[in-house]
C-alpha atoms as a PDB file:
ATOM      1  CA  MET A   1      -3.338 -77.169   6.942  1.00  0.00           C
ATOM      2  CA  ILE A   2      -0.928 -78.013   9.153  1.00  0.00           C
ATOM      3  CA  ASN A   3       1.468 -81.418   8.466  1.00  0.00           C
ATOM      4  CA  GLN A   4       1.423 -82.763  11.770  1.00  0.00           C
ATOM      5  CA  LYS A   5       4.712 -85.452  11.678  1.00  0.00           C
ATOM      6  CA  TYR A   6       6.911 -81.719  11.326  1.00  0.00           C
ATOM      7  CA  THR A   7       4.626 -80.257  14.519  1.00  0.00           C
ATOM      8  CA  ARG A   8       4.996 -79.965  18.177  1.00  0.00           C
ATOM      9  CA  LEU A   9       3.248 -77.935  20.449  1.00  0.00           C
ATOM     10  CA  PHE A  10       3.687 -75.832  23.132  1.00  0.00           C
ATOM     11  CA  LEU A  11       1.410 -73.616  24.519  1.00  0.00           C
ATOM     12  CA  THR A  12      -2.371 -73.019  22.765  1.00  0.00           C
ATOM     13  CA  GLU A  13      -5.357 -70.848  23.725  1.00  0.00           C
ATOM     14  CA  HIS A  14      -8.934 -70.279  22.495  1.00  0.00           C
ATOM     15  CA  ARG A  15      -9.462 -66.642  20.930  1.00  0.00           C
ATOM     16  CA  LYS A  16     -13.177 -65.670  19.696  1.00  0.00           C
ATOM     17  CA  VAL A  17     -13.008 -64.825  15.928  1.00  0.00           C
ATOM     18  CA  GLU A  18     -13.767 -61.215  13.893  1.00  0.00           C
ATOM     19  CA  THR A  19     -17.142 -61.806  12.685  1.00  0.00           C
ATOM     20  CA  ALA A  20     -17.197 -62.133   9.158  1.00  0.00           C
ATOM     21  CA  ALA A  21     -13.576 -63.703   9.088  1.00  0.00           C
ATOM     22  CA  GLN A  22     -13.334 -66.181   6.424  1.00  0.00           C
ATOM     23  CA  LEU A  23     -11.200 -69.144   8.362  1.00  0.00           C
ATOM     24  CA  LEU A  24      -9.839 -71.722   6.219  1.00  0.00           C
ATOM     25  CA  ASP A  25      -8.401 -74.211   7.294  1.00  0.00           C
ATOM     26  CA  GLU A  26      -5.520 -74.999   9.911  1.00  0.00           C
ATOM     27  CA  GLY A  27      -1.868 -73.016   9.944  1.00  0.00           C
ATOM     28  CA  GLN A  28      -3.422 -69.321   8.724  1.00  0.00           C
ATOM     29  CA  ALA A  29      -1.479 -66.649  10.171  1.00  0.00           C
ATOM     30  CA  LEU A  30      -3.943 -64.936  12.418  1.00  0.00           C
ATOM     31  CA  VAL A  31      -3.383 -61.510  13.585  1.00  0.00           C
ATOM     32  CA  ASN A  32      -5.119 -59.783  16.351  1.00  0.00           C
ATOM     33  CA  VAL A  33      -8.006 -56.626  15.637  1.00  0.00           C
ATOM     34  CA  LYS A  34     -10.780 -54.705  17.808  1.00  0.00           C
ATOM     35  CA  GLU A  35     -13.629 -55.506  17.373  1.00  0.00           C
ATOM     36  CA  GLY A  36     -16.076 -53.348  19.457  1.00  0.00           C
ATOM     37  CA  GLN A  37     -14.252 -53.155  23.137  1.00  0.00           C
ATOM     38  CA  GLU A  38     -13.406 -56.684  22.144  1.00  0.00           C
ATOM     39  CA  THR A  39      -9.589 -57.740  21.029  1.00  0.00           C
ATOM     40  CA  VAL A  40     -10.551 -60.833  18.861  1.00  0.00           C
ATOM     41  CA  VAL A  41      -8.327 -62.511  15.793  1.00  0.00           C
ATOM     42  CA  ARG A  42      -8.741 -62.865  12.143  1.00  0.00           C
ATOM     43  CA  PRO A  43      -6.458 -64.310   8.906  1.00  0.00           C
ATOM     44  CA  SER A  44      -3.433 -61.880   7.846  1.00  0.00           C
ATOM     45  CA  THR A  45      -4.257 -59.490   4.900  1.00  0.00           C
ATOM     46  CA  GLY A  46      -0.386 -58.652   4.643  1.00  0.00           C
ATOM     47  CA  ALA A  47      -1.317 -54.585   5.504  1.00  0.00           C
ATOM     48  CA  ASN A  48       1.459 -52.800   6.890  1.00  0.00           C
ATOM     49  CA  GLY A  49       1.328 -53.211  10.994  1.00  0.00           C
ATOM     50  CA  GLU A  50      -1.133 -56.116  11.592  1.00  0.00           C
ATOM     51  CA  ILE A  51      -0.728 -57.126  14.780  1.00  0.00           C
ATOM     52  CA  PHE A  52       0.412 -61.131  15.027  1.00  0.00           C
ATOM     53  CA  ALA A  53      -1.409 -63.414  17.095  1.00  0.00           C
ATOM     54  CA  GLY A  54      -0.797 -66.750  16.435  1.00  0.00           C
ATOM     55  CA  ILE A  55      -1.284 -69.717  13.872  1.00  0.00           C
ATOM     56  CA  SER A  56      -5.124 -71.389  13.518  1.00  0.00           C
ATOM     57  CA  LEU A  57      -5.558 -74.412  15.172  1.00  0.00           C
ATOM     58  CA  MET A  58      -9.177 -76.335  14.925  1.00  0.00           C
ATOM     59  CA  ARG A  59      -9.150 -80.155  13.607  1.00  0.00           C
ATOM     60  CA  ASN A  60      -7.936 -82.444  10.036  1.00  0.00           C
ATOM     61  CA  SER A  61     -10.285 -81.665   7.257  1.00  0.00           C
ATOM     62  CA  PRO A  62      -9.905 -81.669   3.823  1.00  0.00           C
ATOM     63  CA  PRO A  63      -7.773 -78.878   2.640  1.00  0.00           C
ATOM     64  CA  THR A  64      -8.569 -76.889  -0.750  1.00  0.00           C
ATOM     65  CA  VAL A  65      -4.986 -76.063  -2.065  1.00  0.00           C
ATOM     66  CA  LEU A  66      -2.279 -77.792  -1.844  1.00  0.00           C
ATOM     67  CA  ASN A  67       1.929 -77.435  -2.121  1.00  0.00           C
ATOM     68  CA  TRP A  68       4.430 -79.309  -4.306  1.00  0.00           C
ATOM     69  CA  VAL A  69       8.364 -78.846  -4.962  1.00  0.00           C
ATOM     70  CA  GLY A  70       9.742 -80.436  -7.509  1.00  0.00           C
ATOM     71  CA  GLU A  71      13.691 -80.437  -7.547  1.00  0.00           C
ATOM     72  CA  GLY A  72      16.014 -81.803 -10.488  1.00  0.00           C
ATOM     73  CA  VAL A  73      18.225 -81.097 -13.451  1.00  0.00           C
ATOM     74  CA  ILE A  74      16.908 -79.415 -16.834  1.00  0.00           C
ATOM     75  CA  PRO A  75      16.448 -82.054 -19.335  1.00  0.00           C
ATOM     76  CA  SER A  76      18.204 -81.895 -22.738  1.00  0.00           C
ATOM     77  CA  SER A  77      14.474 -81.592 -23.833  1.00  0.00           C
ATOM     78  CA  GLY A  78      14.253 -77.751 -21.611  1.00  0.00           C
ATOM     79  CA  SER A  79      10.971 -78.179 -20.026  1.00  0.00           C
ATOM     80  CA  ILE A  80       9.598 -79.762 -17.414  1.00  0.00           C
ATOM     81  CA  GLU A  81       5.935 -80.951 -16.269  1.00  0.00           C
ATOM     82  CA  LEU A  82       4.279 -80.192 -13.277  1.00  0.00           C
ATOM     83  CA  PRO A  83       2.022 -82.372 -12.000  1.00  0.00           C
ATOM     84  CA  ARG A  84      -0.963 -79.418 -11.983  1.00  0.00           C
ATOM     85  CA  VAL A  85      -1.277 -75.892 -13.642  1.00  0.00           C
ATOM     86  CA  PRO A  86      -0.135 -74.002 -10.657  1.00  0.00           C
ATOM     87  CA  ARG A  87      -2.329 -71.336  -9.040  1.00  0.00           C
ATOM     88  CA  ASN A  88      -1.982 -67.818 -10.536  1.00  0.00           C
ATOM     89  CA  GLY A  89       0.748 -66.079  -9.635  1.00  0.00           C
ATOM     90  CA  GLN A  90       2.006 -68.667  -6.700  1.00  0.00           C
ATOM     91  CA  ILE A  91       5.237 -70.061  -8.494  1.00  0.00           C
ATOM     92  CA  LEU A  92       8.630 -69.923  -8.033  1.00  0.00           C
ATOM     93  CA  ILE A  93      11.212 -70.962 -10.354  1.00  0.00           C
ATOM     94  CA  LYS A  94      15.633 -70.831  -9.243  1.00  0.00           C
ATOM     95  CA  VAL A  95      17.710 -72.250 -11.558  1.00  0.00           C
ATOM     96  CA  GLY A  96      21.083 -72.958  -9.661  1.00  0.00           C
ATOM     97  CA  GLY A  97      20.230 -71.090  -6.648  1.00  0.00           C
ATOM     98  CA  GLU A  98      19.059 -68.279  -8.537  1.00  0.00           C
ATOM     99  CA  LYS A  99      15.437 -67.271  -9.146  1.00  0.00           C
ATOM    100  CA  ARG A 100      14.099 -67.007 -12.307  1.00  0.00           C
ATOM    101  CA  ASP A 101      11.396 -64.248 -13.952  1.00  0.00           C
ATOM    102  CA  ILE A 102       8.156 -66.270 -15.015  1.00  0.00           C
ATOM    103  CA  VAL A 103       7.325 -64.781 -18.796  1.00  0.00           C
ATOM    104  CA  ALA A 104       4.840 -66.198 -21.527  1.00  0.00           C
ATOM    105  CA  GLY A 105       7.048 -66.179 -24.219  1.00  0.00           C
ATOM    106  CA  VAL A 106       9.991 -67.706 -25.297  1.00  0.00           C
ATOM    107  CA  PRO A 107      12.418 -67.240 -22.054  1.00  0.00           C
ATOM    108  CA  ALA A 108      15.332 -65.168 -22.247  1.00  0.00           C
ATOM    109  CA  GLU A 109      18.481 -64.748 -19.853  1.00  0.00           C
ATOM    110  CA  ASP A 110      17.069 -65.179 -16.135  1.00  0.00           C
ATOM    111  CA  GLN A 111      13.322 -66.034 -17.499  1.00  0.00           C
ATOM    112  CA  ALA A 112      11.485 -68.945 -17.712  1.00  0.00           C
ATOM    113  CA  GLN A 113       8.228 -69.331 -19.731  1.00  0.00           C
ATOM    114  CA  LEU A 114       5.047 -71.187 -17.771  1.00  0.00           C
ATOM    115  CA  THR A 115       2.980 -72.458 -20.141  1.00  0.00           C
ATOM    116  CA  GLY A 116      -0.616 -74.742 -18.537  1.00  0.00           C
ATOM    117  CA  PRO A 117       1.587 -76.776 -17.047  1.00  0.00           C
ATOM    118  CA  THR A 118       5.096 -76.949 -18.776  1.00  0.00           C
ATOM    119  CA  VAL A 119       8.095 -75.294 -17.590  1.00  0.00           C
ATOM    120  CA  THR A 120      10.410 -74.419 -20.312  1.00  0.00           C
ATOM    121  CA  PHE A 121      13.684 -72.753 -19.151  1.00  0.00           C
ATOM    122  CA  PHE A 122      15.967 -69.966 -20.983  1.00  0.00           C
ATOM    123  CA  ALA A 123      18.475 -72.531 -23.799  1.00  0.00           C
ATOM    124  CA  ASP A 124      21.894 -71.370 -21.661  1.00  0.00           C
ATOM    125  CA  ASP A 125      20.278 -73.255 -18.613  1.00  0.00           C
ATOM    126  CA  VAL A 126      19.655 -75.813 -20.658  1.00  0.00           C
ATOM    127  CA  ALA A 127      22.998 -76.577 -22.002  1.00  0.00           C
ATOM    128  CA  ALA A 128      25.312 -76.323 -18.551  1.00  0.00           C
ATOM    129  CA  GLY A 129      22.701 -78.959 -17.548  1.00  0.00           C
ATOM    130  CA  SER A 130      22.355 -76.739 -14.618  1.00  0.00           C
ATOM    131  CA  ALA A 131      19.854 -77.957 -11.332  1.00  0.00           C
ATOM    132  CA  TYR A 132      15.773 -76.485 -11.051  1.00  0.00           C
ATOM    133  CA  THR A 133      13.883 -76.112  -8.153  1.00  0.00           C
ATOM    134  CA  VAL A 134       9.998 -75.237  -8.394  1.00  0.00           C
ATOM    135  CA  GLN A 135       7.258 -74.294  -5.889  1.00  0.00           C
ATOM    136  CA  MET A 136       4.381 -74.247  -6.004  1.00  0.00           C
ATOM    137  CA  SER A 137       0.937 -74.351  -5.002  1.00  0.00           C
ATOM    138  CA  TYR A 138      -2.269 -75.887  -6.990  1.00  0.00           C
ATOM    139  CA  ASP A 139      -6.159 -76.117  -6.052  1.00  0.00           C
ATOM    140  CA  ALA A 140      -6.751 -79.804  -4.971  1.00  0.00           C
ATOM    141  CA  SER A 141      -8.738 -82.490  -6.642  1.00  0.00           C
ATOM    142  CA  LEU A 142     -11.447 -84.373  -3.705  1.00  0.00           C
ATOM    143  CA  ASN A 143      -9.434 -87.515  -3.690  1.00  0.00           C
ATOM    144  CA  GLU A 144      -6.244 -85.840  -3.103  1.00  0.00           C
ATOM    145  CA  ALA A 145      -7.600 -84.389  -0.073  1.00  0.00           C
ATOM    146  CA  ARG A 146      -9.794 -86.805   1.162  1.00  0.00           C
ATOM    147  CA  GLN A 147      -7.006 -89.340   1.188  1.00  0.00           C
ATOM    148  CA  LEU A 148      -4.859 -86.654   2.728  1.00  0.00           C
ATOM    149  CA  LEU A 149      -7.017 -85.579   5.972  1.00  0.00           C
ATOM    150  CA  GLY A 150      -9.669 -88.050   5.576  1.00  0.00           C
ATOM    151  CA  ASP A 151     -13.922 -86.701   5.063  1.00  0.00           C
ATOM    152  CA  ALA A 152     -15.018 -82.606   5.798  1.00  0.00           C
ATOM    153  CA  PRO A 153     -16.021 -83.314   9.951  1.00  0.00           C
ATOM    154  CA  ILE A 154     -20.129 -82.947   9.816  1.00  0.00           C
ATOM    155  CA  GLY A 155     -21.701 -80.516   9.973  1.00  0.00           C
ATOM    156  CA  GLY A 156     -18.520 -78.492   9.278  1.00  0.00           C
ATOM    157  CA  LEU A 157     -15.823 -76.776  11.261  1.00  0.00           C
ATOM    158  CA  ALA A 158     -17.120 -75.657  15.483  1.00  0.00           C
ATOM    159  CA  ALA A 159     -15.150 -73.327  14.486  1.00  0.00           C
ATOM    160  CA  ILE A 160     -16.631 -71.506  12.067  1.00  0.00           C
ATOM    161  CA  THR A 161     -20.152 -71.933  13.933  1.00  0.00           C
ATOM    162  CA  GLN A 162     -19.034 -70.772  16.922  1.00  0.00           C
ATOM    163  CA  ASP A 163     -16.643 -67.732  16.336  1.00  0.00           C
ATOM    164  CA  VAL A 164     -14.040 -69.339  18.340  1.00  0.00           C
ATOM    165  CA  VAL A 165     -10.740 -70.972  17.034  1.00  0.00           C
ATOM    166  CA  GLY A 166      -7.844 -72.115  18.481  1.00  0.00           C
ATOM    167  CA  VAL A 167      -4.413 -70.270  18.406  1.00  0.00           C
ATOM    168  CA  ILE A 168      -1.051 -71.773  18.189  1.00  0.00           C
ATOM    169  CA  THR A 169       1.176 -69.041  20.918  1.00  0.00           C
ATOM    170  CA  ARG A 170       4.276 -71.836  20.964  1.00  0.00           C
ATOM    171  CA  GLY A 171       5.760 -74.511  19.435  1.00  0.00           C
ATOM    172  CA  GLU A 172       6.956 -75.584  16.381  1.00  0.00           C
ATOM    173  CA  VAL A 173       4.019 -75.613  13.368  1.00  0.00           C
ATOM    174  CA  GLY A 174       4.403 -77.012   9.618  1.00  0.00           C
ATOM    175  CA  THR A 175       1.756 -75.611   7.375  1.00  0.00           C
ATOM    176  CA  SER A 176       1.031 -75.337   3.982  1.00  0.00           C
ATOM    177  CA  PHE A 177      -0.526 -71.895   4.459  1.00  0.00           C
ATOM    178  CA  TYR A 178       3.051 -69.537   2.841  1.00  0.00           C
ATOM    179  CA  ASP A 179       3.072 -67.764  -0.563  1.00  0.00           C
ATOM    180  CA  ALA A 180       4.491 -70.401  -3.113  1.00  0.00           C
ATOM    181  CA  SER A 181       6.239 -67.183  -4.831  1.00  0.00           C
ATOM    182  CA  ALA A 182       8.375 -66.340  -2.070  1.00  0.00           C
ATOM    183  CA  ASP A 183      12.154 -67.736  -0.923  1.00  0.00           C
ATOM    184  CA  PHE A 184      11.944 -69.236   1.974  1.00  0.00           C
ATOM    185  CA  ALA A 185      15.657 -70.916   1.048  1.00  0.00           C
ATOM    186  CA  GLY A 186      17.305 -68.126   2.944  1.00  0.00           C
ATOM    187  CA  ALA A 187      15.173 -66.583   5.090  1.00  0.00           C
ATOM    188  CA  ILE A 188      15.111 -66.698   8.899  1.00  0.00           C
ATOM    189  CA  GLN A 189      12.451 -64.774   9.074  1.00  0.00           C
ATOM    190  CA  VAL A 190       8.940 -64.552   7.640  1.00  0.00           C
ATOM    191  CA  ARG A 191       6.196 -61.890   6.939  1.00  0.00           C
ATOM    192  CA  LEU A 192       2.748 -61.550   7.632  1.00  0.00           C
ATOM    193  CA  GLY A 193       1.044 -62.086   3.806  1.00  0.00           C
ATOM    194  CA  ALA A 194      -2.430 -61.734   2.671  1.00  0.00           C
ATOM    195  CA  ASP A 195      -5.397 -65.050   3.738  1.00  0.00           C
ATOM    196  CA  GLY A 196      -3.646 -65.622   5.989  1.00  0.00           C
ATOM    197  CA  ARG A 197      -0.496 -66.719   4.159  1.00  0.00           C
ATOM    198  CA  PHE A 198       3.711 -66.689   5.618  1.00  0.00           C
ATOM    199  CA  THR A 199       5.950 -64.168   2.950  1.00  0.00           C
ATOM    200  CA  THR A 200       8.954 -63.600   2.409  1.00  0.00           C
ATOM    201  CA  ASN A 201       7.496 -60.366   0.024  1.00  0.00           C
ATOM    202  CA  GLY A 202       5.510 -57.467   0.477  1.00  0.00           C
ATOM    203  CA  GLN A 203       4.915 -54.632   3.160  1.00  0.00           C
ATOM    204  CA  GLY A 204       3.389 -57.374   5.731  1.00  0.00           C
ATOM    205  CA  THR A 205       4.494 -56.760   8.948  1.00  0.00           C
ATOM    206  CA  LEU A 206       8.531 -58.649   9.585  1.00  0.00           C
ATOM    207  CA  LEU A 207       8.151 -61.448  12.861  1.00  0.00           C
ATOM    208  CA  PRO A 208      10.974 -61.018  14.361  1.00  0.00           C
ATOM    209  CA  ASN A 209       8.986 -64.112  16.893  1.00  0.00           C
ATOM    210  CA  VAL A 210       8.979 -66.444  14.399  1.00  0.00           C
ATOM    211  CA  THR A 211      11.681 -68.310  12.624  1.00  0.00           C
ATOM    212  CA  VAL A 212      12.368 -70.492   9.692  1.00  0.00           C
ATOM    213  CA  ILE A 213      13.230 -74.050  10.970  1.00  0.00           C
ATOM    214  CA  THR A 214      12.996 -75.515   7.408  1.00  0.00           C
ATOM    215  CA  ALA A 215      11.553 -74.000   3.889  1.00  0.00           C
ATOM    216  CA  PRO A 216      10.053 -76.075   2.020  1.00  0.00           C
ATOM    217  CA  SER A 217      11.729 -79.371  -0.371  1.00  0.00           C
ATOM    218  CA  SER A 218      10.999 -82.252  -2.062  1.00  0.00           C
ATOM    219  CA  GLU A 219      11.087 -84.058   1.215  1.00  0.00           C
ATOM    220  CA  ASN A 220       8.659 -81.833   2.316  1.00  0.00           C
ATOM    221  CA  SER A 221       6.242 -79.322   1.029  1.00  0.00           C
ATOM    222  CA  ALA A 222       5.209 -77.582   4.623  1.00  0.00           C
ATOM    223  CA  LEU A 223       6.843 -74.548   6.027  1.00  0.00           C
ATOM    224  CA  VAL A 224       8.053 -75.378   9.064  1.00  0.00           C
ATOM    225  CA  LEU A 225       8.244 -72.337  11.520  1.00  0.00           C
ATOM    226  CA  ARG A 226       8.782 -72.226  14.958  1.00  0.00           C
ATOM    227  CA  VAL A 227       6.381 -69.448  16.097  1.00  0.00           C
ATOM    228  CA  ASN A 228       7.165 -67.792  19.939  1.00  0.00           C
ATOM    229  CA  VAL A 229       3.755 -64.985  20.622  1.00  0.00           C
END
């Protein structure tokens, strides 16, 4: 999903999509690949050496995945309730600005426990009254998706049926397609990740022509990037 409030488009183009490629939504990281004699695009996979083409641009449609960022002070109870159960592996927990390893059992130092939608912090972090940040993605309900961007277009997305997609090659883009387990707070550059998501983790191509303008926060859960392909 592209958050229009934080998006400014300077240059776009239309590109042919690789046969059988799965375009999920606007805001995906696209890469160049060869199909026969033609250069086409598909969502990034996070493999090393992929060549960034730009960010997908289609039309508003209800998102299937949403992001949430929460910030606050650890309560005396030692636990907080998240609004939803995070998607598998799609959560980042920080205490005092430091990342915590996520465990299923009782948390020790530098750890936090995740059980369903409940996060439980290490006892010393609770005693210190430390600040926390939780960044996560979750599966959107139908009502949530419709409230954000309305109903799906009749007949589906034209980009999918025509195998042609708009590509943002220059501008600032607020996208929901990022790895929610990645820490963007101190990042200047990003990497290509799986499923067309931007990340700071892994071996995906580092993008010198993409700059982090604003990391996700409780005020704006989108990742705002400046793109100049």
